[in-house]
PDB file of N, CA and C in Angstrom:
ATOM      1  N   MET A   1       0.825  -1.193   0.006  1.00  0.00           N
ATOM      2  CA  MET A   1      -0.015  -0.009  -0.002  1.00  0.00           C
ATOM      3  C   MET A   1       0.878   1.253   0.011  1.00  0.00           C
ATOM      4  N   LEU A   2       1.915   1.277   0.803  1.00  0.00           N
ATOM      5  CA  LEU A   2       2.801   2.415   0.881  1.00  0.00           C
ATOM      6  C   LEU A   2       3.518   2.635  -0.467  1.00  0.00           C
ATOM      7  N   ASP A   3       3.905   1.540  -1.070  1.00  0.00           N
ATOM      8  CA  ASP A   3       4.600   1.625  -2.374  1.00  0.00           C
ATOM      9  C   ASP A   3       3.704   2.250  -3.438  1.00  0.00           C
ATOM     10  N   ASN A   4       2.423   1.885  -3.418  1.00  0.00           N
ATOM     11  CA  ASN A   4       1.475   2.431  -4.386  1.00  0.00           C
ATOM     12  C   ASN A   4       1.299   3.952  -4.187  1.00  0.00           C
ATOM     13  N   ASP A   5       1.218   4.382  -2.925  1.00  0.00           N
ATOM     14  CA  ASP A   5       1.099   5.815  -2.637  1.00  0.00           C
ATOM     15  C   ASP A   5       2.328   6.568  -3.088  1.00  0.00           C
ATOM     16  N   LEU A   6       3.500   5.960  -2.930  1.00  0.00           N
ATOM     17  CA  LEU A   6       4.725   6.585  -3.338  1.00  0.00           C
ATOM     18  C   LEU A   6       4.779   6.764  -4.843  1.00  0.00           C
ATOM     19  N   GLU A   7       4.370   5.726  -5.586  1.00  0.00           N
ATOM     20  CA  GLU A   7       4.360   5.797  -7.043  1.00  0.00           C
ATOM     21  C   GLU A   7       3.413   6.886  -7.500  1.00  0.00           C
ATOM     22  N   LYS A   8       2.257   6.961  -6.885  1.00  0.00           N
ATOM     23  CA  LYS A   8       1.248   7.968  -7.249  1.00  0.00           C
ATOM     24  C   LYS A   8       1.805   9.369  -6.983  1.00  0.00           C
ATOM     25  N   ALA A   9       2.441   9.552  -5.859  1.00  0.00           N
ATOM     26  CA  ALA A   9       3.028  10.843  -5.503  1.00  0.00           C
ATOM     27  C   ALA A   9       4.123  11.233  -6.476  1.00  0.00           C
ATOM     28  N   MET A  10       4.947  10.248  -6.873  1.00  0.00           N
ATOM     29  CA  MET A  10       6.013  10.517  -7.819  1.00  0.00           C
ATOM     30  C   MET A  10       5.468  10.936  -9.186  1.00  0.00           C
ATOM     31  N   ARG A  11       4.389  10.265  -9.625  1.00  0.00           N
ATOM     32  CA  ARG A  11       3.765  10.637 -10.891  1.00  0.00           C
ATOM     33  C   ARG A  11       3.229  12.067 -10.854  1.00  0.00           C
ATOM     34  N   ILE A  12       2.584  12.415  -9.737  1.00  0.00           N
ATOM     35  CA  ILE A  12       2.025  13.755  -9.591  1.00  0.00           C
ATOM     36  C   ILE A  12       3.126  14.799  -9.584  1.00  0.00           C
ATOM     37  N   LEU A  13       4.223  14.504  -8.825  1.00  0.00           N
ATOM     38  CA  LEU A  13       5.355  15.431  -8.782  1.00  0.00           C
ATOM     39  C   LEU A  13       5.992  15.606 -10.143  1.00  0.00           C
ATOM     40  N   LYS A  14       6.204  14.514 -10.855  1.00  0.00           N
ATOM     41  CA  LYS A  14       6.823  14.578 -12.190  1.00  0.00           C
ATOM     42  C   LYS A  14       5.958  15.409 -13.139  1.00  0.00           C
ATOM     43  N   LYS A  15       4.647  15.236 -13.083  1.00  0.00           N
ATOM     44  CA  LYS A  15       3.747  15.973 -13.955  1.00  0.00           C
ATOM     45  C   LYS A  15       3.797  17.482 -13.626  1.00  0.00           C
ATOM     46  N   LYS A  16       3.861  17.820 -12.309  1.00  0.00           N
ATOM     47  CA  LYS A  16       3.914  19.227 -11.910  1.00  0.00           C
ATOM     48  C   LYS A  16       5.243  19.834 -12.387  1.00  0.00           C
ATOM     49  N   ILE A  17       6.348  19.118 -12.247  1.00  0.00           N
ATOM     50  CA  ILE A  17       7.640  19.613 -12.683  1.00  0.00           C
ATOM     51  C   ILE A  17       7.667  19.786 -14.197  1.00  0.00           C
ATOM     52  N   GLN A  18       7.062  18.837 -14.900  1.00  0.00           N
ATOM     53  CA  GLN A  18       7.013  18.894 -16.360  1.00  0.00           C
ATOM     54  C   GLN A  18       6.188  20.110 -16.813  1.00  0.00           C
ATOM     55  N   ASN A  19       5.059  20.341 -16.186  1.00  0.00           N
ATOM     56  CA  ASN A  19       4.210  21.468 -16.533  1.00  0.00           C
ATOM     57  C   ASN A  19       4.892  22.783 -16.234  1.00  0.00           C
ATOM     58  N   ASP A  20       5.724  22.809 -15.215  1.00  0.00           N
ATOM     59  CA  ASP A  20       6.466  24.013 -14.843  1.00  0.00           C
ATOM     60  C   ASP A  20       7.555  24.317 -15.835  1.00  0.00           C
ATOM     61  N   GLY A  21       8.014  23.290 -16.581  1.00  0.00           N
ATOM     62  CA  GLY A  21       9.062  23.489 -17.563  1.00  0.00           C
ATOM     63  C   GLY A  21      10.468  23.310 -17.017  1.00  0.00           C
ATOM     64  N   LEU A  22      10.595  22.749 -15.843  1.00  0.00           N
ATOM     65  CA  LEU A  22      11.896  22.549 -15.219  1.00  0.00           C
ATOM     66  C   LEU A  22      12.766  21.604 -16.018  1.00  0.00           C
ATOM     67  N   PHE A  23      12.197  20.494 -16.481  1.00  0.00           N
ATOM     68  CA  PHE A  23      12.975  19.523 -17.268  1.00  0.00           C
ATOM     69  C   PHE A  23      13.503  20.179 -18.527  1.00  0.00           C
ATOM     70  N   LYS A  24      12.691  20.963 -19.176  1.00  0.00           N
ATOM     71  CA  LYS A  24      13.098  21.621 -20.407  1.00  0.00           C
ATOM     72  C   LYS A  24      14.246  22.611 -20.146  1.00  0.00           C
ATOM     73  N   ARG A  25      14.126  23.403 -19.078  1.00  0.00           N
ATOM     74  CA  ARG A  25      15.179  24.338 -18.734  1.00  0.00           C
ATOM     75  C   ARG A  25      16.484  23.628 -18.389  1.00  0.00           C
ATOM     76  N   LEU A  26      16.407  22.510 -17.658  1.00  0.00           N
ATOM     77  CA  LEU A  26      17.612  21.760 -17.313  1.00  0.00           C
ATOM     78  C   LEU A  26      18.261  21.200 -18.564  1.00  0.00           C
ATOM     79  N   LYS A  27      17.464  20.705 -19.486  1.00  0.00           N
ATOM     80  CA  LYS A  27      17.999  20.145 -20.724  1.00  0.00           C
ATOM     81  C   LYS A  27      18.690  21.230 -21.529  1.00  0.00           C
ATOM     82  N   LEU A  28      18.130  22.433 -21.578  1.00  0.00           N
ATOM     83  CA  LEU A  28      18.714  23.515 -22.332  1.00  0.00           C
ATOM     84  C   LEU A  28      20.024  24.011 -21.676  1.00  0.00           C
ATOM     85  N   LYS A  29      20.088  23.971 -20.373  1.00  0.00           N
ATOM     86  CA  LYS A  29      21.283  24.457 -19.660  1.00  0.00           C
ATOM     87  C   LYS A  29      22.422  23.426 -19.731  1.00  0.00           C
ATOM     88  N   LYS A  30      22.083  22.192 -20.075  1.00  0.00           N
ATOM     89  CA  LYS A  30      23.069  21.131 -20.105  1.00  0.00           C
ATOM     90  C   LYS A  30      24.151  21.401 -21.167  1.00  0.00           C
ATOM     91  N   ASN A  31      23.749  21.889 -22.321  1.00  0.00           N
ATOM     92  CA  ASN A  31      24.684  22.143 -23.407  1.00  0.00           C
ATOM     93  C   ASN A  31      24.676  23.607 -23.785  1.00  0.00           C
ATOM     94  N   TYR A  32      25.790  24.028 -24.384  1.00  0.00           N
ATOM     95  CA  TYR A  32      25.869  25.427 -24.856  1.00  0.00           C
ATOM     96  C   TYR A  32      24.958  25.636 -26.044  1.00  0.00           C
ATOM     97  N   GLU A  33      24.314  26.761 -26.063  1.00  0.00           N
ATOM     98  CA  GLU A  33      23.412  27.129 -27.172  1.00  0.00           C
ATOM     99  C   GLU A  33      23.946  28.409 -27.780  1.00  0.00           C
ATOM    100  N   LYS A  34      24.219  28.340 -29.066  1.00  0.00           N
ATOM    101  CA  LYS A  34      24.724  29.515 -29.749  1.00  0.00           C
ATOM    102  C   LYS A  34      23.650  30.626 -29.717  1.00  0.00           C
ATOM    103  N   PRO A  35      24.111  31.881 -29.702  1.00  0.00           N
ATOM    104  CA  PRO A  35      23.165  32.991 -29.656  1.00  0.00           C
ATOM    105  C   PRO A  35      22.133  32.958 -30.804  1.00  0.00           C
ATOM    106  N   SER A  36      22.578  32.569 -31.983  1.00  0.00           N
ATOM    107  CA  SER A  36      21.649  32.494 -33.114  1.00  0.00           C
ATOM    108  C   SER A  36      20.587  31.408 -32.882  1.00  0.00           C
ATOM    109  N   GLU A  37      20.992  30.272 -32.301  1.00  0.00           N
ATOM    110  CA  GLU A  37      20.057  29.209 -31.989  1.00  0.00           C
ATOM    111  C   GLU A  37      19.087  29.626 -30.904  1.00  0.00           C
ATOM    112  N   TYR A  38      19.628  30.382 -29.918  1.00  0.00           N
ATOM    113  CA  TYR A  38      18.790  30.891 -28.836  1.00  0.00           C
ATOM    114  C   TYR A  38      17.689  31.783 -29.390  1.00  0.00           C
ATOM    115  N   LYS A  39      18.062  32.718 -30.266  1.00  0.00           N
ATOM    116  CA  LYS A  39      17.081  33.634 -30.855  1.00  0.00           C
ATOM    117  C   LYS A  39      16.036  32.900 -31.677  1.00  0.00           C
ATOM    118  N   ARG A  40      16.516  31.901 -32.453  1.00  0.00           N
ATOM    119  CA  ARG A  40      15.608  31.109 -33.288  1.00  0.00           C
ATOM    120  C   ARG A  40      14.596  30.342 -32.415  1.00  0.00           C
ATOM    121  N   ARG A  41      15.110  29.754 -31.322  1.00  0.00           N
ATOM    122  CA  ARG A  41      14.244  28.975 -30.413  1.00  0.00           C
ATOM    123  C   ARG A  41      13.209  29.884 -29.777  1.00  0.00           C
ATOM    124  N   LYS A  42      13.662  31.048 -29.301  1.00  0.00           N
ATOM    125  CA  LYS A  42      12.746  32.005 -28.674  1.00  0.00           C
ATOM    126  C   LYS A  42      11.645  32.433 -29.654  1.00  0.00           C
ATOM    127  N   GLN A  43      12.054  32.657 -30.906  1.00  0.00           N
ATOM    128  CA  GLN A  43      11.083  33.071 -31.934  1.00  0.00           C
ATOM    129  C   GLN A  43      10.049  31.944 -32.149  1.00  0.00           C
ATOM    130  N   ARG A  44      10.510  30.710 -32.225  1.00  0.00           N
ATOM    131  CA  ARG A  44       9.588  29.575 -32.412  1.00  0.00           C
ATOM    132  C   ARG A  44       8.654  29.447 -31.222  1.00  0.00           C
ATOM    133  N   GLU A  45       9.140  29.620 -30.030  1.00  0.00           N
ATOM    134  CA  GLU A  45       8.321  29.542 -28.829  1.00  0.00           C
ATOM    135  C   GLU A  45       7.256  30.648 -28.845  1.00  0.00           C
ATOM    136  N   ALA A  46       7.650  31.832 -29.240  1.00  0.00           N
ATOM    137  CA  ALA A  46       6.695  32.938 -29.295  1.00  0.00           C
ATOM    138  C   ALA A  46       5.610  32.657 -30.323  1.00  0.00           C
ATOM    139  N   LEU A  47       5.982  32.124 -31.482  1.00  0.00           N
ATOM    140  CA  LEU A  47       4.986  31.797 -32.498  1.00  0.00           C
ATOM    141  C   LEU A  47       4.022  30.728 -32.011  1.00  0.00           C
ATOM    142  N   ARG A  48       4.590  29.752 -31.300  1.00  0.00           N
ATOM    143  CA  ARG A  48       3.750  28.683 -30.756  1.00  0.00           C
ATOM    144  C   ARG A  48       2.756  29.236 -29.764  1.00  0.00           C
ATOM    145  N   ARG A  49       3.217  30.104 -28.840  1.00  0.00           N
ATOM    146  CA  ARG A  49       2.325  30.723 -27.875  1.00  0.00           C
ATOM    147  C   ARG A  49       1.246  31.546 -28.551  1.00  0.00           C
ATOM    148  N   GLN A  50       1.630  32.239 -29.635  1.00  0.00           N
ATOM    149  CA  GLN A  50       0.662  33.071 -30.351  1.00  0.00           C
ATOM    150  C   GLN A  50      -0.386  32.201 -31.039  1.00  0.00           C
ATOM    151  N   ARG A  51       0.041  31.089 -31.637  1.00  0.00           N
ATOM    152  CA  ARG A  51      -0.936  30.162 -32.296  1.00  0.00           C
ATOM    153  C   ARG A  51      -1.860  29.571 -31.280  1.00  0.00           C
ATOM    154  N   ILE A  52      -1.363  29.222 -30.118  1.00  0.00           N
ATOM    155  CA  ILE A  52      -2.230  28.636 -29.080  1.00  0.00           C
ATOM    156  C   ILE A  52      -3.247  29.707 -28.596  1.00  0.00           C
ATOM    157  N   ALA A  53      -2.789  30.922 -28.411  1.00  0.00           N
ATOM    158  CA  ALA A  53      -3.656  31.982 -27.946  1.00  0.00           C
ATOM    159  C   ALA A  53      -4.767  32.261 -28.936  1.00  0.00           C
ATOM    160  N   THR A  54      -4.426  32.322 -30.219  1.00  0.00           N
ATOM    161  CA  THR A  54      -5.453  32.559 -31.261  1.00  0.00           C
ATOM    162  C   THR A  54      -6.437  31.408 -31.359  1.00  0.00           C
ATOM    163  N   ALA A  55      -5.925  30.206 -31.188  1.00  0.00           N
ATOM    164  CA  ALA A  55      -6.818  29.030 -31.246  1.00  0.00           C
ATOM    165  C   ALA A  55      -7.752  29.029 -30.069  1.00  0.00           C
ATOM    166  N   LYS A  56      -7.267  29.410 -28.887  1.00  0.00           N
ATOM    167  CA  LYS A  56      -8.143  29.476 -27.677  1.00  0.00           C
ATOM    168  C   LYS A  56      -9.184  30.575 -27.840  1.00  0.00           C
ATOM    169  N   SER A  57      -8.759  31.714 -28.388  1.00  0.00           N
ATOM    170  CA  SER A  57      -9.719  32.837 -28.509  1.00  0.00           C
ATOM    171  C   SER A  57     -10.754  32.526 -29.581  1.00  0.00           C
ATOM    172  N   LYS A  58     -10.424  31.687 -30.533  1.00  0.00           N
ATOM    173  CA  LYS A  58     -11.348  31.314 -31.596  1.00  0.00           C
ATOM    174  C   LYS A  58     -12.514  30.483 -31.027  1.00  0.00           C
ATOM    175  N   TYR A  59     -12.252  29.690 -30.008  1.00  0.00           N
ATOM    176  CA  TYR A  59     -13.292  28.797 -29.461  1.00  0.00           C
ATOM    177  C   TYR A  59     -14.045  29.423 -28.284  1.00  0.00           C
ATOM    178  N   ARG A  60     -13.758  30.645 -27.933  1.00  0.00           N
ATOM    179  CA  ARG A  60     -14.454  31.262 -26.808  1.00  0.00           C
ATOM    180  C   ARG A  60     -15.731  31.911 -27.245  1.00  0.00           C
TER     181      ARG A  60
END
């Protein structure tokens, strides 16, 4: 019973960390990212956020 509760707690914690973006930040910090790649990635992320926002506003 205790083992099952621990597994459930670990799943919940992992999901919260993943939603927070911690894994992604750690992965990015692991290796050097050239400034041009950094700018390109930021631009892609901004476009993605914009597409999501317009899609959400379309269904409201």
